[in-house]
Amino acid sequence: MSQALSTPPPTASAPPEAHDLAALAARHGLSVSGARPSLPEYIRELWARRHFISAFATAKLTAQYSQAKLGQVWQVMTPLLNAAVYYFIFGMLLGTSHGVPDYIPFLVTGVFVWTFTQSSIMAGTRAISGNLGLVRALHFPRAALPISFALQQLQQLLFSMAALFVILLCFGIPVAASWVLVLPALFLQFTFNAGVAMVMARMGAKTPDIAQLMPFVLRTWMYASGVMFSISHVTGGHKGLPSWVPELLQANPAAVYIDLMRFALIDSFHASQLPPHVWAIATGWALLAGVGGFIYFWKAEETYGRG
């Protein structure tokens, strides 16, 4: 009798699938909401939304100066005013224009190209954290946001290029076949900018305070990229610097893309002022940032907008 009382009554054993939620979901055709797709599938989804990316970039660009009375004129005026300030400080007060032919076209080209990189990275840093409502409301590949912001800055640069061409002609620089090189240089720079924007978008989504730090980082990077001066001229003879410093400055990606644009547009900027294998370096930076940044961003796809 005691043995019978101590023995629990037999119960029906639950099927193994009931203890395995993943198997149960698969059996009923369910999937995890917001799960990261495979890399090929993610690329296909992103390509399918290419029209959204371009439309979003254009809408952002149009709305950027909608409250200003001069409207879209500020797309050109802003980098031109920056160039004027840099010319006064660096060209006139500090004398960095000495020994640099066609200094004003040299400076304006550098400012326009640098602004493209700077604005793309800053916008990318806030791409997720500044658009949480959109991220949480709609299902789409989140990489569309930093890419669209980089595309927005490319569109703004193309508006500014019209003013740059006028400046070049006003300073006696003729139209040349080398101007065609602007196209591959801009393509490589856009790929680099979009890749870095994706890296910063992931970091900014996790730590929004990075957006407050980036202006200081970018300002330091600008001063090291030869925007307002010729790196080869300033570091000529090394002037007490280790031999690797001028090479490092010239190989940094911002300086590489600025130099390529100057070489394409300005007659007096010769190939001897470019770092060796400059196109290979520019392509390498674009591939490293573009492919690496894309994969780095994709790996955290399911985390964006949560928490």
Protein backbone atom coordinates (compact mmCIF):
# COMPACT_ATOMS: atom_id res chain seq x y z
CA MET A 1 0.00 0.00 0.00
CA SER A 2 2.79 2.45 0.88
CA GLN A 3 4.56 1.63 -2.36
CA ALA A 4 1.37 2.32 -4.33
CA LEU A 5 0.83 5.66 -2.61
CA SER A 6 4.42 6.80 -3.25
CA THR A 7 4.30 5.99 -6.93
CA PRO A 8 3.02 8.96 -9.02
CA PRO A 9 0.29 8.18 -11.48
CA PRO A 10 1.49 7.75 -15.07
CA THR A 11 1.13 10.84 -17.30
CA ALA A 12 1.20 11.20 -21.03
CA SER A 13 4.65 12.25 -22.17
CA ALA A 14 4.76 15.49 -24.13
CA PRO A 15 6.07 15.27 -27.68
CA PRO A 16 9.74 16.27 -28.09
CA GLU A 17 8.72 19.19 -30.33
CA ALA A 18 6.91 20.87 -27.42
CA HIS A 19 10.26 21.30 -25.65
CA ASP A 20 11.99 22.65 -28.72
CA LEU A 21 10.58 26.06 -29.62
CA ALA A 22 12.68 26.37 -32.73
CA ALA A 23 11.43 23.04 -34.08
CA LEU A 24 7.84 23.93 -33.15
CA ALA A 25 8.09 27.25 -34.97
CA ALA A 26 9.59 25.57 -38.01
CA ARG A 27 6.83 22.95 -38.02
CA HIS A 28 4.21 25.71 -38.23
CA GLY A 29 6.13 27.86 -40.72
CA LEU A 30 7.03 30.60 -38.21
CA SER A 31 10.25 32.60 -38.11
CA VAL A 32 11.89 34.96 -35.63
CA SER A 33 10.72 38.54 -36.09
CA GLY A 34 13.56 40.83 -37.21
CA ALA A 35 16.06 37.98 -37.58
CA ARG A 36 19.15 38.77 -39.61
CA PRO A 37 18.93 37.34 -43.13
CA SER A 38 21.87 35.69 -44.83
CA LEU A 39 24.33 38.05 -46.51
CA PRO A 40 23.23 37.20 -50.11
CA GLU A 41 19.56 37.59 -49.12
CA TYR A 42 20.35 40.87 -47.38
CA ILE A 43 22.02 42.20 -50.53
CA ARG A 44 18.99 41.16 -52.62
CA GLU A 45 16.62 42.93 -50.19
CA LEU A 46 18.77 46.05 -50.30
CA TRP A 47 18.85 46.06 -54.11
CA ALA A 48 15.07 45.63 -54.21
CA ARG A 49 14.78 48.86 -52.20
CA ARG A 50 17.18 50.89 -54.33
CA HIS A 51 14.35 53.24 -55.38
CA PHE A 52 13.53 53.91 -51.73
CA ILE A 53 17.20 54.70 -51.05
CA SER A 54 17.43 57.24 -53.87
CA ALA A 55 14.03 58.79 -53.08
CA PHE A 56 14.87 59.06 -49.37
CA ALA A 57 18.22 60.73 -50.17
CA THR A 58 16.58 63.22 -52.54
CA ALA A 59 13.83 64.04 -50.03
CA LYS A 60 16.38 64.64 -47.27
CA LEU A 61 18.41 66.90 -49.54
CA THR A 62 15.35 68.92 -50.55
CA ALA A 63 14.18 69.31 -46.95
CA GLN A 64 17.64 70.22 -45.62
CA TYR A 65 17.36 73.94 -46.46
CA SER A 66 13.58 74.18 -46.85
CA GLN A 67 13.31 76.66 -43.96
CA ALA A 68 16.01 78.99 -45.32
CA LYS A 69 15.02 81.88 -47.56
CA LEU A 70 17.81 81.12 -50.02
CA GLY A 71 16.79 77.46 -50.03
CA GLN A 72 18.99 75.15 -52.07
CA VAL A 73 21.50 77.95 -52.77
CA TRP A 74 23.04 77.03 -49.41
CA GLN A 75 24.14 73.71 -50.90
CA VAL A 76 26.76 75.70 -52.78
CA MET A 77 27.18 78.65 -50.43
CA THR A 78 28.12 76.60 -47.37
CA PRO A 79 31.31 75.00 -48.77
CA LEU A 80 32.20 78.24 -50.56
CA LEU A 81 31.99 80.22 -47.31
CA ASN A 82 34.10 77.55 -45.58
CA ALA A 83 36.67 77.88 -48.36
CA ALA A 84 36.69 81.68 -47.93
CA VAL A 85 37.33 81.35 -44.19
CA TYR A 86 40.14 78.82 -44.76
CA TYR A 87 41.68 81.06 -47.42
CA PHE A 88 41.76 84.00 -45.04
CA ILE A 89 43.25 82.00 -42.15
CA PHE A 90 45.56 79.58 -43.92
CA GLY A 91 46.23 81.27 -47.25
CA MET A 92 46.69 84.83 -46.05
CA LEU A 93 47.52 84.76 -42.33
CA LEU A 94 49.52 81.53 -42.14
CA GLY A 95 50.93 81.71 -45.68
CA THR A 96 50.23 78.11 -46.73
CA SER A 97 49.44 79.43 -50.21
CA HIS A 98 53.13 80.18 -50.87
CA GLY A 99 54.58 77.74 -53.35
CA VAL A 100 51.17 76.29 -54.28
CA PRO A 101 50.10 77.26 -57.83
CA ASP A 102 46.39 77.99 -58.38
CA TYR A 103 45.88 78.06 -54.63
CA ILE A 104 42.21 79.11 -54.68
CA PRO A 105 41.12 76.26 -57.03
CA PHE A 106 43.40 73.99 -54.99
CA LEU A 107 41.70 75.04 -51.75
CA VAL A 108 38.11 75.01 -53.03
CA THR A 109 38.56 71.53 -54.50
CA GLY A 110 39.94 70.28 -51.20
CA VAL A 111 37.11 71.83 -49.17
CA PHE A 112 34.37 70.45 -51.45
CA VAL A 113 35.80 66.92 -51.50
CA TRP A 114 36.48 66.89 -47.76
CA THR A 115 32.97 68.17 -47.00
CA PHE A 116 31.58 65.17 -48.89
CA THR A 117 33.45 62.73 -46.63
CA GLN A 118 32.83 64.69 -43.43
CA SER A 119 29.09 65.10 -43.99
CA SER A 120 28.63 61.46 -45.04
CA ILE A 121 30.28 60.18 -41.87
CA MET A 122 28.44 62.60 -39.58
CA ALA A 123 25.08 61.75 -41.15
CA GLY A 124 25.92 58.04 -41.00
CA THR A 125 26.69 58.25 -37.29
CA ARG A 126 23.10 59.36 -36.63
CA ALA A 127 21.51 57.20 -39.35
CA ILE A 128 19.99 54.69 -36.90
CA SER A 129 19.84 56.61 -33.62
CA GLY A 130 18.25 59.62 -35.34
CA ASN A 131 15.62 57.59 -37.20
CA LEU A 132 14.38 55.15 -34.56
CA GLY A 133 10.75 55.81 -35.42
CA LEU A 134 11.31 54.71 -39.00
CA VAL A 135 13.47 51.75 -37.95
CA ARG A 136 10.85 50.47 -35.48
CA ALA A 137 7.84 51.10 -37.70
CA LEU A 138 8.92 49.52 -40.98
CA HIS A 139 10.75 46.38 -42.05
CA PHE A 140 13.58 47.07 -44.48
CA PRO A 141 17.36 46.47 -44.62
CA ARG A 142 18.77 49.00 -42.15
CA ALA A 143 21.84 49.54 -44.34
CA ALA A 144 19.53 51.54 -46.60
CA LEU A 145 19.74 54.45 -44.12
CA PRO A 146 23.52 55.10 -43.99
CA ILE A 147 23.78 54.43 -47.73
CA SER A 148 21.00 56.91 -48.47
CA PHE A 149 22.71 59.57 -46.33
CA ALA A 150 25.98 59.03 -48.23
CA LEU A 151 24.01 59.32 -51.48
CA GLN A 152 22.43 62.54 -50.23
CA GLN A 153 25.89 64.03 -49.67
CA LEU A 154 26.99 62.87 -53.13
CA GLN A 155 24.01 64.69 -54.65
CA GLN A 156 24.93 67.80 -52.70
CA LEU A 157 28.54 67.57 -53.92
CA LEU A 158 27.34 67.33 -57.53
CA PHE A 159 25.44 70.62 -57.06
CA SER A 160 28.61 72.16 -55.63
CA MET A 161 30.71 70.86 -58.53
CA ALA A 162 28.90 73.27 -60.86
CA ALA A 163 30.26 76.17 -58.79
CA LEU A 164 33.69 74.52 -58.67
CA PHE A 165 33.85 74.28 -62.48
CA VAL A 166 32.98 77.98 -62.74
CA ILE A 167 35.77 78.85 -60.28
CA LEU A 168 38.27 76.76 -62.25
CA LEU A 169 37.36 78.51 -65.49
CA CYS A 170 37.49 81.96 -63.84
CA PHE A 171 41.06 81.28 -62.71
CA GLY A 172 42.17 80.30 -66.19
CA ILE A 173 42.14 76.53 -65.80
CA PRO A 174 40.92 75.10 -69.13
CA VAL A 175 38.61 72.17 -69.62
CA ALA A 176 40.78 69.08 -70.12
CA ALA A 177 40.35 65.39 -70.87
CA SER A 178 41.58 64.65 -67.34
CA TRP A 179 38.29 66.00 -65.97
CA VAL A 180 36.78 62.62 -66.88
CA LEU A 181 38.82 61.15 -64.01
CA VAL A 182 36.42 62.90 -61.63
CA LEU A 183 33.89 60.10 -62.22
CA PRO A 184 35.97 57.11 -61.02
CA ALA A 185 37.43 59.21 -58.20
CA LEU A 186 33.94 60.12 -56.98
CA PHE A 187 32.75 56.53 -57.28
CA LEU A 188 35.63 55.28 -55.13
CA GLN A 189 35.13 58.06 -52.60
CA PHE A 190 31.39 57.37 -52.39
CA THR A 191 32.08 53.67 -51.76
CA PHE A 192 34.55 54.59 -49.02
CA ASN A 193 32.19 57.14 -47.44
CA ALA A 194 29.23 54.74 -47.46
CA GLY A 195 31.34 52.01 -45.84
CA VAL A 196 32.57 54.28 -43.05
CA ALA A 197 29.02 55.64 -42.61
CA MET A 198 27.78 52.07 -42.02
CA VAL A 199 30.51 51.42 -39.45
CA MET A 200 29.63 54.63 -37.63
CA ALA A 201 25.89 53.91 -37.91
CA ARG A 202 26.32 50.64 -36.01
CA MET A 203 28.54 52.27 -33.40
CA GLY A 204 26.21 55.27 -33.09
CA ALA A 205 23.17 53.01 -32.68
CA LYS A 206 24.78 51.35 -29.67
CA THR A 207 26.48 54.45 -28.22
CA PRO A 208 24.72 57.68 -29.31
CA ASP A 209 27.35 59.79 -27.52
CA ILE A 210 29.76 59.00 -30.36
CA ALA A 211 27.91 61.61 -32.42
CA GLN A 212 29.14 64.27 -29.95
CA LEU A 213 32.75 63.09 -30.28
CA MET A 214 32.87 62.82 -34.08
CA PRO A 215 33.22 66.56 -34.88
CA PHE A 216 36.54 66.63 -32.96
CA VAL A 217 37.77 63.46 -34.68
CA LEU A 218 36.80 64.76 -38.11
CA ARG A 219 38.38 68.17 -37.50
CA THR A 220 41.67 66.50 -36.58
CA TRP A 221 41.42 64.28 -39.66
CA MET A 222 40.78 67.34 -41.85
CA TYR A 223 43.97 69.05 -40.65
CA ALA A 224 45.93 65.90 -41.46
CA SER A 225 44.47 65.53 -44.97
CA GLY A 226 45.94 68.52 -46.80
CA VAL A 227 42.63 70.31 -47.32
CA MET A 228 44.14 73.77 -46.84
CA PHE A 229 47.77 73.04 -47.74
CA SER A 230 49.94 70.82 -49.89
CA ILE A 231 51.18 67.86 -47.82
CA SER A 232 54.22 67.35 -50.07
CA HIS A 233 55.09 71.06 -49.83
CA VAL A 234 54.67 71.34 -46.04
CA THR A 235 56.57 68.10 -45.30
CA GLY A 236 59.17 68.62 -48.04
CA GLY A 237 62.62 67.63 -46.81
CA HIS A 238 60.77 66.01 -43.86
CA LYS A 239 61.62 69.09 -41.72
CA GLY A 240 62.70 66.97 -38.78
CA LEU A 241 59.82 64.51 -39.17
CA PRO A 242 60.35 60.75 -39.34
CA SER A 243 60.38 59.57 -42.97
CA TRP A 244 57.17 57.59 -42.53
CA VAL A 245 55.06 60.62 -41.48
CA PRO A 246 54.74 62.25 -44.95
CA GLU A 247 53.99 58.85 -46.50
CA LEU A 248 51.32 58.16 -43.88
CA LEU A 249 49.71 61.58 -44.38
CA GLN A 250 49.57 61.15 -48.16
CA ALA A 251 48.18 57.61 -47.92
CA ASN A 252 45.31 58.52 -45.60
CA PRO A 253 42.05 58.03 -47.55
CA ALA A 254 40.74 61.60 -47.33
CA ALA A 255 44.03 62.97 -48.70
CA VAL A 256 44.07 60.33 -51.46
CA TYR A 257 40.62 61.27 -52.78
CA ILE A 258 41.35 64.99 -52.50
CA ASP A 259 44.61 64.55 -54.43
CA LEU A 260 42.87 62.54 -57.15
CA MET A 261 40.29 65.28 -57.65
CA ARG A 262 42.97 67.97 -57.75
CA PHE A 263 44.98 65.94 -60.26
CA ALA A 264 41.88 65.51 -62.43
CA LEU A 265 40.81 69.16 -62.38
CA ILE A 266 43.86 71.40 -61.86
CA ASP A 267 46.49 71.67 -64.57
CA SER A 268 49.28 72.70 -62.19
CA PHE A 269 48.72 69.74 -59.86
CA HIS A 270 51.10 67.16 -61.35
CA ALA A 271 51.40 63.41 -60.95
CA SER A 272 54.63 63.94 -58.99
CA GLN A 273 52.52 65.34 -56.14
CA LEU A 274 50.49 62.14 -55.88
CA PRO A 275 51.57 59.25 -53.65
CA PRO A 276 52.89 56.18 -55.52
CA HIS A 277 50.20 53.77 -56.79
CA VAL A 278 47.51 56.29 -55.87
CA TRP A 279 44.69 54.59 -57.81
CA ALA A 280 45.51 51.25 -56.18
CA ILE A 281 45.46 52.92 -52.76
CA ALA A 282 42.14 54.64 -53.52
CA THR A 283 40.62 51.35 -54.70
CA GLY A 284 41.98 49.50 -51.66
CA TRP A 285 40.48 52.02 -49.23
CA ALA A 286 37.13 51.86 -51.06
CA LEU A 287 37.03 48.05 -50.94
CA LEU A 288 38.18 47.86 -47.33
CA ALA A 289 35.64 50.39 -46.09
CA GLY A 290 32.82 49.47 -48.46
CA VAL A 291 32.89 45.68 -48.10
CA GLY A 292 34.15 45.62 -44.51
CA GLY A 293 31.71 48.31 -43.37
CA PHE A 294 28.78 46.57 -45.04
CA ILE A 295 29.52 43.21 -43.38
CA TYR A 296 30.17 44.88 -40.01
CA PHE A 297 26.81 46.66 -40.21
CA TRP A 298 24.94 43.55 -41.41
CA LYS A 299 26.16 41.45 -38.47
CA ALA A 300 24.16 43.63 -36.05
CA GLU A 301 21.07 43.94 -38.26
CA GLU A 302 18.67 42.37 -35.75
CA THR A 303 19.74 44.71 -32.93
CA TYR A 304 18.86 48.06 -34.55
CA GLY A 305 15.90 49.81 -32.96
CA ARG A 306 15.73 47.48 -29.97
CA GLY A 307 16.48 48.19 -26.34
